[in-house]
Amino acid sequence: MDDTTFPLDLLQAMREWSHVRAVLARRPVKPPELLNRLRTLEARVAVHSFWETEDGKSPSARDDLRRRVREMKAAEGRLTDRQRRILAWIRGWVAEHGEAPTQRQIGEAVGLSSTASVAYQLTRLEQAGLIGRSRSRGIALRW
């Protein structure tokens, strides 16, 4: 799953584009606001600075991005409710603070009293490919 390292904002834009496209495909009448959102996301993906990098110039990079989004959506679908809550909370924290939370902060936020329980859940998220971890405080969102 890690052939190419994509920037988080590009992955998020591609994920949202995929979601909006699926919603539009199910609707007989296409609401203009969804069509506009799809166009905006298409433009954001198309002009992202990643495509100017060496990895982005690879002929297979766009296919890798689509494959990666499909794999990560499938991995998210296999999460437990607790894991979904933890992942959502981590995403919100990182968006607000610009850094990863501690295990203790995660536990307090989702109602886990033991940091060992938090560590177990983070390990499961890491195994699913949705986060990366380092020895220090580092939790890197992959999605």
Protein backbone atom coordinates (compact mmCIF):
# COMPACT_ATOMS: atom_id res chain seq x y z
CA MET A 1 0.00 0.00 0.00
CA ASP A 2 2.96 2.36 0.45
CA ASP A 3 4.38 2.45 -3.10
CA THR A 4 4.13 6.24 -3.25
CA THR A 5 3.95 8.64 -0.32
CA PHE A 6 1.11 11.06 -0.99
CA PRO A 7 0.55 14.30 0.94
CA LEU A 8 -2.31 14.08 3.44
CA ASP A 9 -4.25 16.96 1.86
CA LEU A 10 -4.11 15.27 -1.56
CA LEU A 11 -5.38 11.99 -0.09
CA GLN A 12 -8.18 13.81 1.70
CA ALA A 13 -9.22 15.70 -1.45
CA MET A 14 -9.21 12.49 -3.48
CA ARG A 15 -11.20 10.72 -0.78
CA GLU A 16 -13.80 13.47 -0.72
CA TRP A 17 -13.94 13.53 -4.54
CA SER A 18 -14.57 9.77 -4.52
CA HIS A 19 -17.34 10.18 -1.93
CA VAL A 20 -19.09 13.04 -3.76
CA ARG A 21 -18.85 11.14 -7.04
CA ALA A 22 -20.47 8.06 -5.44
CA VAL A 23 -23.26 10.20 -3.98
CA LEU A 24 -23.93 11.80 -7.36
CA ALA A 25 -24.00 8.41 -9.07
CA ARG A 26 -26.86 7.31 -6.81
CA ARG A 27 -29.01 10.38 -7.44
CA PRO A 28 -31.26 10.71 -10.47
CA VAL A 29 -31.24 14.51 -10.14
CA LYS A 30 -27.78 16.00 -9.71
CA PRO A 31 -27.85 18.91 -7.23
CA PRO A 32 -25.78 21.85 -8.52
CA GLU A 33 -23.96 22.26 -5.20
CA LEU A 34 -22.67 18.69 -5.39
CA LEU A 35 -21.63 19.12 -9.01
CA ASN A 36 -19.76 22.31 -8.05
CA ARG A 37 -18.11 20.53 -5.12
CA LEU A 38 -17.00 17.71 -7.43
CA ARG A 39 -15.48 20.22 -9.88
CA THR A 40 -13.71 22.05 -7.07
CA LEU A 41 -12.22 18.82 -5.75
CA GLU A 42 -11.20 17.72 -9.26
CA ALA A 43 -9.33 20.99 -9.67
CA ARG A 44 -7.69 20.69 -6.25
CA VAL A 45 -6.42 17.20 -7.09
CA ALA A 46 -5.37 18.14 -10.63
CA VAL A 47 -3.27 21.18 -9.70
CA HIS A 48 -1.79 19.86 -6.46
CA SER A 49 1.93 20.58 -6.11
CA PHE A 50 2.62 16.86 -5.63
CA TRP A 51 2.32 16.33 -9.39
CA GLU A 52 5.44 18.49 -9.86
CA THR A 53 7.59 16.21 -7.68
CA GLU A 54 9.57 13.24 -8.95
CA ASP A 55 7.03 10.77 -7.52
CA GLY A 56 4.14 12.76 -8.98
CA LYS A 57 5.62 12.71 -12.48
CA SER A 58 5.54 8.92 -12.52
CA PRO A 59 3.04 7.61 -15.10
CA SER A 60 1.43 5.38 -12.49
CA ALA A 61 1.11 7.99 -9.72
CA ARG A 62 -2.54 8.85 -10.43
CA ASP A 63 -3.47 5.18 -10.55
CA ASP A 64 -1.58 4.65 -7.28
CA LEU A 65 -3.53 7.50 -5.69
CA ARG A 66 -6.90 6.03 -6.72
CA ARG A 67 -5.82 2.56 -5.54
CA ARG A 68 -4.60 3.94 -2.23
CA VAL A 69 -7.90 5.74 -1.61
CA ARG A 70 -9.88 2.55 -2.35
CA GLU A 71 -7.67 0.50 0.00
CA MET A 72 -7.91 3.02 2.82
CA LYS A 73 -11.70 3.30 2.49
CA ALA A 74 -11.91 -0.49 2.70
CA ALA A 75 -9.65 -0.49 5.78
CA GLU A 76 -11.84 2.15 7.43
CA GLY A 77 -14.87 -0.01 6.78
CA ARG A 78 -13.34 -2.79 8.90
CA LEU A 79 -12.77 -0.62 11.99
CA THR A 80 -14.66 -1.05 15.23
CA ASP A 81 -16.78 1.83 16.52
CA ARG A 82 -14.13 2.64 19.13
CA GLN A 83 -11.39 2.71 16.48
CA ARG A 84 -13.52 5.00 14.29
CA ARG A 85 -14.02 7.37 17.24
CA ILE A 86 -10.31 7.39 18.01
CA LEU A 87 -9.35 8.02 14.38
CA ALA A 88 -11.92 10.81 14.02
CA TRP A 89 -10.76 12.42 17.24
CA ILE A 90 -7.10 12.23 16.21
CA ARG A 91 -7.95 13.83 12.84
CA GLY A 92 -9.78 16.65 14.58
CA TRP A 93 -6.97 17.18 17.07
CA VAL A 94 -4.30 17.29 14.36
CA ALA A 95 -6.39 19.69 12.27
CA GLU A 96 -6.84 22.01 15.26
CA HIS A 97 -3.40 21.77 16.88
CA GLY A 98 -1.10 20.79 14.03
CA GLU A 99 0.54 18.02 16.04
CA ALA A 100 -0.29 14.55 17.28
CA PRO A 101 -2.00 14.07 20.64
CA THR A 102 -0.54 11.97 23.43
CA GLN A 103 -1.97 8.57 24.30
CA ARG A 104 -3.28 10.00 27.55
CA GLN A 105 -5.14 12.76 25.67
CA ILE A 106 -6.65 10.22 23.30
CA GLY A 107 -7.75 8.03 26.21
CA GLU A 108 -9.41 10.93 28.02
CA ALA A 109 -11.20 12.03 24.86
CA VAL A 110 -12.66 8.63 23.99
CA GLY A 111 -13.19 7.26 27.49
CA LEU A 112 -10.29 4.83 27.87
CA SER A 113 -8.63 4.98 31.28
CA SER A 114 -5.62 2.86 30.38
CA THR A 115 -2.87 4.04 28.05
CA ALA A 116 -2.28 0.36 27.27
CA SER A 117 -5.80 0.22 25.83
CA VAL A 118 -5.06 3.29 23.74
CA ALA A 119 -1.78 1.76 22.58
CA TYR A 120 -3.61 -1.40 21.53
CA GLN A 121 -6.16 0.57 19.50
CA LEU A 122 -3.41 2.65 17.89
CA THR A 123 -1.57 -0.54 16.96
CA ARG A 124 -4.74 -1.83 15.27
CA LEU A 125 -5.10 1.46 13.35
CA GLU A 126 -1.46 1.23 12.33
CA GLN A 127 -1.92 -2.35 11.14
CA ALA A 128 -4.89 -1.19 9.07
CA GLY A 129 -2.59 1.34 7.40
CA LEU A 130 -4.55 4.38 8.58
CA ILE A 131 -1.88 5.87 10.84
CA GLY A 132 1.86 5.64 11.21
CA ARG A 133 3.66 5.78 14.55
CA SER A 134 7.09 6.55 15.86
CA ARG A 135 8.60 6.00 19.29
CA SER A 136 7.97 9.52 20.44
CA ARG A 137 4.65 11.29 20.35
CA GLY A 138 4.50 10.80 16.60
CA ILE A 139 1.23 9.64 15.15
CA ALA A 140 1.17 10.34 11.44
CA LEU A 141 -2.19 10.28 9.74
CA ARG A 142 -2.12 8.47 6.45
CA TRP A 143 -5.61 9.52 5.58
